[in-house]
Every structure is written in C-alpha cells, then in structure tokens.
Amino acid sequence: MATKEMRKTTLAEMKDKYIGKEGTAEKDSYEYELKMEVLGKMIKSVRKERKMTQDN
C-alpha cells in the first residue's frame, strides 16, 4: 500500500484561503469582528473581577 505524504499548510495560508488575503474587505471585516469579540470578553472579565456586573 503506497503512502501519501500529507501537505503541510501554515495558519497564514489557511486564513488566506478561507477568510481572504490581507487588505481585502473580507479579511478586514473578519479582523474587526475578531478584535471586537476579544475586547468584549476582556471588558466582561474585568467587570466580573471588580464585581461591576449584573450577572449572578
């Protein structure tokens, strides 16, 4: 049985293929949404630490 060598792909190549290349509208939109999600989670975490949240 012949073995097939797996092709190695970097994370950057996968992002370019599935999200879009740097500078495209799709990539810019993805990066913006990702940053907003991370920022939101950071704010929520700090508010929880300081007991400034309405979550129980």
Protein backbone atom coordinates (compact mmCIF):
# COMPACT_ATOMS: atom_id res chain seq x y z
CA MET A 1 0.00 0.00 0.00
CA ALA A 2 1.54 3.30 -1.08
CA THR A 3 1.63 6.05 1.50
CA LYS A 4 0.70 9.54 0.52
CA GLU A 5 2.69 12.38 2.02
CA MET A 6 0.47 14.94 3.71
CA ARG A 7 0.79 18.51 2.54
CA LYS A 8 1.66 20.90 5.35
CA THR A 9 -0.23 24.17 5.46
CA THR A 10 0.51 27.15 7.66
CA LEU A 11 -2.13 29.03 9.59
CA ALA A 12 -1.49 32.09 7.42
CA GLU A 13 -2.14 30.05 4.26
CA MET A 14 -5.39 28.70 5.70
CA LYS A 15 -6.54 32.20 6.66
CA ASP A 16 -5.73 33.50 3.17
CA LYS A 17 -7.64 30.63 1.57
CA TYR A 18 -10.77 30.66 3.75
CA ILE A 19 -11.00 34.24 5.05
CA GLY A 20 -9.25 36.28 2.40
CA LYS A 21 -5.90 37.84 1.70
CA GLU A 22 -4.55 40.82 3.66
CA GLY A 23 -6.15 44.09 2.58
CA THR A 24 -9.38 42.59 1.20
CA ALA A 25 -12.75 43.69 2.54
CA GLU A 26 -13.50 40.17 3.80
CA LYS A 27 -10.24 39.96 5.76
CA ASP A 28 -10.65 43.48 7.20
CA SER A 29 -14.19 42.67 8.30
CA TYR A 30 -13.06 39.40 9.90
CA GLU A 31 -10.20 41.10 11.76
CA TYR A 32 -12.53 43.87 13.02
CA GLU A 33 -15.15 41.40 14.28
CA LEU A 34 -12.48 39.29 15.96
CA LYS A 35 -10.99 42.31 17.74
CA MET A 36 -14.43 43.44 18.92
CA GLU A 37 -15.21 39.97 20.28
CA VAL A 38 -11.90 39.79 22.16
CA LEU A 39 -12.38 43.31 23.54
CA GLY A 40 -15.90 42.46 24.70
CA LYS A 41 -14.67 39.35 26.53
CA MET A 42 -11.88 41.34 28.17
CA ILE A 43 -14.32 44.02 29.38
CA LYS A 44 -16.71 41.38 30.71
CA SER A 45 -13.86 39.65 32.55
CA VAL A 46 -12.67 42.88 34.21
CA ARG A 47 -16.21 43.86 35.19
CA LYS A 48 -16.73 40.42 36.74
CA GLU A 49 -13.43 40.68 38.71
CA ARG A 50 -14.46 44.07 40.08
CA LYS A 51 -18.00 42.88 40.78
CA MET A 52 -19.44 45.51 38.46
CA THR A 53 -21.65 43.14 36.52
CA GLN A 54 -25.31 42.26 36.80
CA ASP A 55 -24.54 38.57 36.11
CA ASN A 56 -25.01 36.31 39.12
